[in-house]
Amino acid sequence: MKKVLLGLVTIIVIGVGTLLFSSHLTKNRGDELAMALDNVNPMVKVTTVYGLTNQAISHTKGEMNEDIFTYKMKTVDAAGQPRTLTFNADHRLKRQHYLKIETKGQNVNTWEAVDEATAS
């Protein structure tokens, strides 16, 4: 009985520790695993960040021959905390335009163009 209880406590401690610290491990990583972990982690909150568009880091074609542009962008939140995000767009973004990005950790939920005053 003690071994089962010890095993259960160990699993809970590992699980809680993973939830608490996974956002630190995924920050500024643009890979699919980081995005997926942040998306399902209840400890990672949805936040709004702002960034200035740059050159796409890649351009590929999807399964239906649609354009996929991948961007890696430095962003900041309202508190001035920086974060690097990687996300896809279905069209080429105009360079040097501000984006308002709703994100859950490394997972970009939505983005929209805004003026400089809004982004400041």
N, C-alpha and C. Protein backbone atom coordinates (compact mmCIF):
# COMPACT_ATOMS: atom_id res chain seq x y z
N MET A 1 0.81 -1.19 0.00
CA MET A 1 0.00 0.00 0.00
C MET A 1 0.85 1.26 0.00
N LYS A 2 1.94 1.25 0.79
CA LYS A 2 2.82 2.42 0.86
C LYS A 2 3.50 2.67 -0.49
N LYS A 3 3.86 1.60 -1.22
CA LYS A 3 4.51 1.76 -2.52
C LYS A 3 3.55 2.39 -3.52
N VAL A 4 2.29 1.98 -3.49
CA VAL A 4 1.29 2.54 -4.39
C VAL A 4 1.09 4.02 -4.09
N LEU A 5 0.96 4.35 -2.81
CA LEU A 5 0.78 5.73 -2.40
C LEU A 5 1.99 6.57 -2.78
N LEU A 6 3.18 6.06 -2.56
CA LEU A 6 4.41 6.76 -2.91
C LEU A 6 4.48 6.98 -4.43
N GLY A 7 4.10 5.98 -5.19
CA GLY A 7 4.08 6.09 -6.65
C GLY A 7 3.09 7.14 -7.11
N LEU A 8 1.91 7.16 -6.49
CA LEU A 8 0.88 8.14 -6.85
C LEU A 8 1.35 9.56 -6.52
N VAL A 9 1.94 9.74 -5.36
CA VAL A 9 2.45 11.06 -4.97
C VAL A 9 3.56 11.50 -5.92
N THR A 10 4.43 10.59 -6.31
CA THR A 10 5.51 10.91 -7.25
C THR A 10 4.95 11.37 -8.59
N ILE A 11 3.95 10.66 -9.09
CA ILE A 11 3.33 11.04 -10.37
C ILE A 11 2.70 12.42 -10.27
N ILE A 12 2.01 12.70 -9.18
CA ILE A 12 1.37 14.01 -8.99
C ILE A 12 2.42 15.12 -8.93
N VAL A 13 3.49 14.88 -8.17
CA VAL A 13 4.55 15.89 -8.05
C VAL A 13 5.19 16.15 -9.41
N ILE A 14 5.47 15.12 -10.15
CA ILE A 14 6.07 15.28 -11.49
C ILE A 14 5.10 16.03 -12.40
N GLY A 15 3.82 15.69 -12.36
CA GLY A 15 2.82 16.34 -13.19
C GLY A 15 2.68 17.82 -12.88
N VAL A 16 2.58 18.16 -11.60
CA VAL A 16 2.45 19.56 -11.19
C VAL A 16 3.73 20.32 -11.54
N GLY A 17 4.87 19.72 -11.30
CA GLY A 17 6.14 20.36 -11.65
C GLY A 17 6.26 20.64 -13.14
N THR A 18 5.81 19.70 -13.93
CA THR A 18 5.83 19.88 -15.38
C THR A 18 4.94 21.04 -15.79
N LEU A 19 3.75 21.12 -15.22
CA LEU A 19 2.84 22.23 -15.55
C LEU A 19 3.42 23.57 -15.14
N LEU A 20 4.02 23.62 -13.96
CA LEU A 20 4.55 24.88 -13.45
C LEU A 20 5.77 25.37 -14.23
N PHE A 21 6.62 24.48 -14.67
CA PHE A 21 7.87 24.88 -15.28
C PHE A 21 7.93 24.72 -16.79
N SER A 22 6.92 24.10 -17.40
CA SER A 22 6.99 23.88 -18.84
C SER A 22 6.97 25.19 -19.62
N SER A 23 6.28 26.22 -19.12
CA SER A 23 6.25 27.49 -19.84
C SER A 23 7.64 28.13 -19.88
N HIS A 24 8.46 27.88 -18.88
CA HIS A 24 9.83 28.38 -18.88
C HIS A 24 10.68 27.61 -19.90
N LEU A 25 10.37 26.35 -20.08
CA LEU A 25 11.10 25.52 -21.03
C LEU A 25 10.70 25.82 -22.48
N THR A 26 9.46 26.25 -22.68
CA THR A 26 8.97 26.48 -24.04
C THR A 26 9.14 27.91 -24.52
N LYS A 27 9.42 28.85 -23.63
CA LYS A 27 9.51 30.26 -24.00
C LYS A 27 10.55 30.46 -25.10
N ASN A 28 10.14 31.20 -26.13
CA ASN A 28 10.98 31.56 -27.28
C ASN A 28 11.34 30.39 -28.18
N ARG A 29 10.68 29.25 -27.99
CA ARG A 29 10.87 28.12 -28.89
C ARG A 29 9.74 28.12 -29.90
N GLY A 30 10.06 27.98 -31.15
CA GLY A 30 9.05 28.03 -32.19
C GLY A 30 8.64 26.69 -32.76
N ASP A 31 8.94 25.61 -32.06
CA ASP A 31 8.63 24.30 -32.60
C ASP A 31 7.21 23.86 -32.21
N GLU A 32 6.72 22.87 -32.91
CA GLU A 32 5.35 22.38 -32.70
C GLU A 32 5.13 21.85 -31.28
N LEU A 33 6.14 21.20 -30.70
CA LEU A 33 6.00 20.65 -29.36
C LEU A 33 5.78 21.76 -28.33
N ALA A 34 6.56 22.83 -28.43
CA ALA A 34 6.40 23.96 -27.49
C ALA A 34 5.01 24.56 -27.61
N MET A 35 4.53 24.72 -28.85
CA MET A 35 3.20 25.29 -29.06
C MET A 35 2.12 24.38 -28.48
N ALA A 36 2.25 23.09 -28.70
CA ALA A 36 1.25 22.13 -28.20
C ALA A 36 1.25 22.09 -26.68
N LEU A 37 2.43 22.08 -26.07
CA LEU A 37 2.50 22.05 -24.60
C LEU A 37 1.87 23.29 -23.99
N ASP A 38 2.18 24.46 -24.53
CA ASP A 38 1.60 25.69 -24.01
C ASP A 38 0.09 25.73 -24.21
N ASN A 39 -0.37 25.19 -25.32
CA ASN A 39 -1.79 25.22 -25.63
C ASN A 39 -2.62 24.41 -24.63
N VAL A 40 -2.09 23.29 -24.14
CA VAL A 40 -2.85 22.43 -23.22
C VAL A 40 -2.53 22.70 -21.75
N ASN A 41 -1.51 23.51 -21.47
CA ASN A 41 -1.12 23.78 -20.09
C ASN A 41 -2.05 24.82 -19.46
N PRO A 42 -2.81 24.46 -18.44
CA PRO A 42 -3.73 25.42 -17.83
C PRO A 42 -3.00 26.53 -17.06
N MET A 43 -1.72 26.36 -16.78
CA MET A 43 -0.95 27.39 -16.08
C MET A 43 -0.50 28.51 -17.01
N VAL A 44 -0.55 28.29 -18.32
CA VAL A 44 -0.15 29.30 -19.29
C VAL A 44 -1.39 30.11 -19.66
N LYS A 45 -1.32 31.41 -19.43
CA LYS A 45 -2.46 32.30 -19.66
C LYS A 45 -2.41 32.88 -21.07
N VAL A 46 -3.58 33.23 -21.58
CA VAL A 46 -3.69 33.92 -22.86
C VAL A 46 -3.27 35.37 -22.64
N THR A 47 -2.36 35.85 -23.47
CA THR A 47 -1.88 37.23 -23.36
C THR A 47 -1.88 37.89 -24.74
N THR A 48 -1.78 39.20 -24.72
CA THR A 48 -1.66 39.96 -25.96
C THR A 48 -0.26 40.54 -26.02
N VAL A 49 0.39 40.36 -27.16
CA VAL A 49 1.72 40.91 -27.39
C VAL A 49 1.70 41.69 -28.70
N TYR A 50 2.70 42.53 -28.88
CA TYR A 50 2.81 43.34 -30.09
C TYR A 50 4.17 43.14 -30.71
N GLY A 51 4.22 43.13 -32.04
CA GLY A 51 5.48 42.96 -32.74
C GLY A 51 5.46 43.68 -34.08
N LEU A 52 6.63 43.89 -34.61
CA LEU A 52 6.81 44.54 -35.90
C LEU A 52 7.14 43.47 -36.93
N THR A 53 6.39 43.44 -38.01
CA THR A 53 6.59 42.38 -39.02
C THR A 53 7.96 42.51 -39.67
N ASN A 54 8.46 41.37 -40.09
CA ASN A 54 9.76 41.31 -40.73
C ASN A 54 9.66 40.39 -41.95
N GLN A 55 10.80 40.01 -42.48
CA GLN A 55 10.87 39.10 -43.61
C GLN A 55 10.45 37.69 -43.17
N ALA A 56 9.67 37.01 -43.98
CA ALA A 56 9.31 35.62 -43.68
C ALA A 56 10.58 34.77 -43.67
N ILE A 57 10.65 33.81 -42.72
CA ILE A 57 11.83 32.95 -42.66
C ILE A 57 11.70 31.76 -43.61
N SER A 58 10.46 31.48 -44.06
CA SER A 58 10.28 30.44 -45.07
C SER A 58 8.95 30.64 -45.79
N HIS A 59 8.90 30.09 -46.99
CA HIS A 59 7.68 30.09 -47.81
C HIS A 59 7.55 28.71 -48.40
N THR A 60 6.45 28.04 -48.07
CA THR A 60 6.21 26.70 -48.59
C THR A 60 4.80 26.63 -49.16
N LYS A 61 4.50 25.51 -49.75
CA LYS A 61 3.15 25.24 -50.26
C LYS A 61 2.52 24.16 -49.39
N GLY A 62 1.25 24.34 -49.05
CA GLY A 62 0.53 23.37 -48.26
C GLY A 62 0.02 22.22 -49.10
N GLU A 63 -0.75 21.34 -48.48
CA GLU A 63 -1.27 20.16 -49.17
C GLU A 63 -2.22 20.51 -50.31
N MET A 64 -2.89 21.63 -50.20
CA MET A 64 -3.82 22.07 -51.24
C MET A 64 -3.19 23.15 -52.13
N ASN A 65 -1.86 23.20 -52.15
CA ASN A 65 -1.07 24.14 -52.93
C ASN A 65 -1.24 25.60 -52.46
N GLU A 66 -1.69 25.78 -51.20
CA GLU A 66 -1.83 27.13 -50.66
C GLU A 66 -0.48 27.62 -50.15
N ASP A 67 -0.30 28.94 -50.17
CA ASP A 67 0.93 29.54 -49.66
C ASP A 67 0.95 29.47 -48.14
N ILE A 68 2.12 29.16 -47.59
CA ILE A 68 2.34 29.20 -46.14
C ILE A 68 3.63 29.96 -45.90
N PHE A 69 3.50 31.12 -45.27
CA PHE A 69 4.65 31.94 -44.92
C PHE A 69 4.89 31.79 -43.42
N THR A 70 6.12 31.51 -43.04
CA THR A 70 6.47 31.36 -41.63
C THR A 70 7.28 32.57 -41.20
N TYR A 71 6.85 33.15 -40.07
CA TYR A 71 7.50 34.33 -39.52
C TYR A 71 8.04 34.03 -38.13
N LYS A 72 9.19 34.60 -37.82
CA LYS A 72 9.76 34.55 -36.48
C LYS A 72 9.90 36.00 -36.04
N MET A 73 9.17 36.35 -34.99
CA MET A 73 9.04 37.75 -34.64
C MET A 73 9.32 38.00 -33.17
N LYS A 74 10.05 39.06 -32.89
CA LYS A 74 10.25 39.50 -31.50
C LYS A 74 9.05 40.33 -31.11
N THR A 75 8.47 40.02 -29.95
CA THR A 75 7.29 40.72 -29.48
C THR A 75 7.49 41.16 -28.03
N VAL A 76 6.61 42.05 -27.57
CA VAL A 76 6.60 42.46 -26.16
C VAL A 76 5.15 42.51 -25.69
N ASP A 77 4.96 42.24 -24.39
CA ASP A 77 3.62 42.34 -23.81
C ASP A 77 3.46 43.72 -23.16
N ALA A 78 2.32 43.96 -22.52
CA ALA A 78 2.03 45.26 -21.91
C ALA A 78 3.03 45.63 -20.82
N ALA A 79 3.63 44.62 -20.18
CA ALA A 79 4.61 44.87 -19.12
C ALA A 79 6.03 45.03 -19.69
N GLY A 80 6.18 44.94 -21.00
CA GLY A 80 7.49 45.08 -21.63
C GLY A 80 8.31 43.82 -21.65
N GLN A 81 7.69 42.67 -21.30
CA GLN A 81 8.39 41.40 -21.31
C GLN A 81 8.53 40.88 -22.75
N PRO A 82 9.75 40.60 -23.19
CA PRO A 82 9.95 40.14 -24.57
C PRO A 82 9.64 38.65 -24.74
N ARG A 83 9.26 38.30 -25.93
CA ARG A 83 9.03 36.90 -26.30
C ARG A 83 9.21 36.79 -27.81
N THR A 84 9.88 35.74 -28.24
CA THR A 84 10.02 35.47 -29.67
C THR A 84 8.98 34.44 -30.05
N LEU A 85 8.19 34.75 -31.08
CA LEU A 85 7.14 33.85 -31.55
C LEU A 85 7.40 33.42 -32.98
N THR A 86 7.02 32.21 -33.30
CA THR A 86 7.05 31.70 -34.66
C THR A 86 5.63 31.32 -35.03
N PHE A 87 5.16 31.81 -36.18
CA PHE A 87 3.79 31.51 -36.60
C PHE A 87 3.69 31.53 -38.11
N ASN A 88 2.59 30.97 -38.61
CA ASN A 88 2.35 30.89 -40.05
C ASN A 88 1.26 31.87 -40.47
N ALA A 89 1.37 32.34 -41.70
CA ALA A 89 0.35 33.18 -42.31
C ALA A 89 0.06 32.63 -43.70
N ASP A 90 -1.16 32.84 -44.16
CA ASP A 90 -1.53 32.31 -45.48
C ASP A 90 -1.25 33.31 -46.61
N HIS A 91 -0.62 34.42 -46.26
CA HIS A 91 -0.20 35.40 -47.25
C HIS A 91 1.04 36.13 -46.72
N ARG A 92 1.75 36.78 -47.63
CA ARG A 92 2.94 37.52 -47.23
C ARG A 92 2.51 38.77 -46.48
N LEU A 93 3.07 38.98 -45.29
CA LEU A 93 2.74 40.16 -44.49
C LEU A 93 3.58 41.35 -44.95
N LYS A 94 2.98 42.54 -44.92
CA LYS A 94 3.73 43.74 -45.24
C LYS A 94 4.79 43.95 -44.17
N ARG A 95 6.01 44.25 -44.61
CA ARG A 95 7.11 44.45 -43.66
C ARG A 95 6.96 45.78 -42.94
N GLN A 96 7.47 45.79 -41.69
CA GLN A 96 7.50 46.98 -40.84
C GLN A 96 6.10 47.49 -40.49
N HIS A 97 5.16 46.56 -40.31
CA HIS A 97 3.81 46.87 -39.83
C HIS A 97 3.62 46.20 -38.48
N TYR A 98 2.87 46.85 -37.61
CA TYR A 98 2.66 46.32 -36.27
C TYR A 98 1.53 45.29 -36.25
N LEU A 99 1.73 44.24 -35.46
CA LEU A 99 0.71 43.23 -35.25
C LEU A 99 0.35 43.16 -33.78
N LYS A 100 -0.93 42.99 -33.51
CA LYS A 100 -1.43 42.66 -32.18
C LYS A 100 -1.69 41.17 -32.22
N ILE A 101 -1.01 40.42 -31.33
CA ILE A 101 -1.06 38.97 -31.38
C ILE A 101 -1.61 38.43 -30.07
N GLU A 102 -2.66 37.64 -30.17
CA GLU A 102 -3.18 36.93 -28.99
C GLU A 102 -2.50 35.58 -28.95
N THR A 103 -1.84 35.29 -27.83
CA THR A 103 -1.03 34.09 -27.74
C THR A 103 -1.23 33.39 -26.41
N LYS A 104 -1.11 32.10 -26.43
CA LYS A 104 -1.11 31.29 -25.20
C LYS A 104 0.26 30.64 -25.18
N GLY A 105 1.20 31.30 -24.51
CA GLY A 105 2.58 30.85 -24.56
C GLY A 105 3.12 31.01 -25.96
N GLN A 106 3.64 29.94 -26.52
CA GLN A 106 4.19 29.99 -27.88
C GLN A 106 3.13 29.75 -28.95
N ASN A 107 1.92 29.45 -28.55
CA ASN A 107 0.85 29.16 -29.50
C ASN A 107 0.13 30.45 -29.88
N VAL A 108 0.22 30.86 -31.13
CA VAL A 108 -0.45 32.07 -31.61
C VAL A 108 -1.90 31.72 -31.94
N ASN A 109 -2.83 32.37 -31.23
CA ASN A 109 -4.25 32.13 -31.49
C ASN A 109 -4.75 33.00 -32.64
N THR A 110 -4.50 34.31 -32.56
CA THR A 110 -4.93 35.24 -33.60
C THR A 110 -3.92 36.36 -33.73
N TRP A 111 -3.94 37.03 -34.85
CA TRP A 111 -3.15 38.23 -35.02
C TRP A 111 -3.89 39.16 -35.96
N GLU A 112 -3.64 40.47 -35.75
CA GLU A 112 -4.25 41.47 -36.62
C GLU A 112 -3.32 42.68 -36.72
N ALA A 113 -3.37 43.35 -37.86
CA ALA A 113 -2.57 44.56 -38.05
C ALA A 113 -3.17 45.69 -37.23
N VAL A 114 -2.30 46.48 -36.60
CA VAL A 114 -2.73 47.65 -35.83
C VAL A 114 -1.80 48.80 -36.16
N ASP A 115 -2.22 50.01 -35.78
CA ASP A 115 -1.34 51.15 -36.01
C ASP A 115 -0.29 51.25 -34.91
N GLU A 116 0.71 52.07 -35.13
CA GLU A 116 1.82 52.19 -34.19
C GLU A 116 1.35 52.68 -32.82
N ALA A 117 0.39 53.58 -32.78
CA ALA A 117 -0.10 54.11 -31.51
C ALA A 117 -0.70 53.01 -30.64
N THR A 118 -1.41 52.08 -31.24
CA THR A 118 -2.00 50.96 -30.50
C THR A 118 -0.93 50.03 -29.97
N ALA A 119 0.12 49.84 -30.75
CA ALA A 119 1.19 48.91 -30.37
C ALA A 119 2.13 49.50 -29.32
N SER A 120 2.11 50.80 -29.13
CA SER A 120 3.04 51.43 -28.17
C SER A 120 2.55 51.36 -26.77
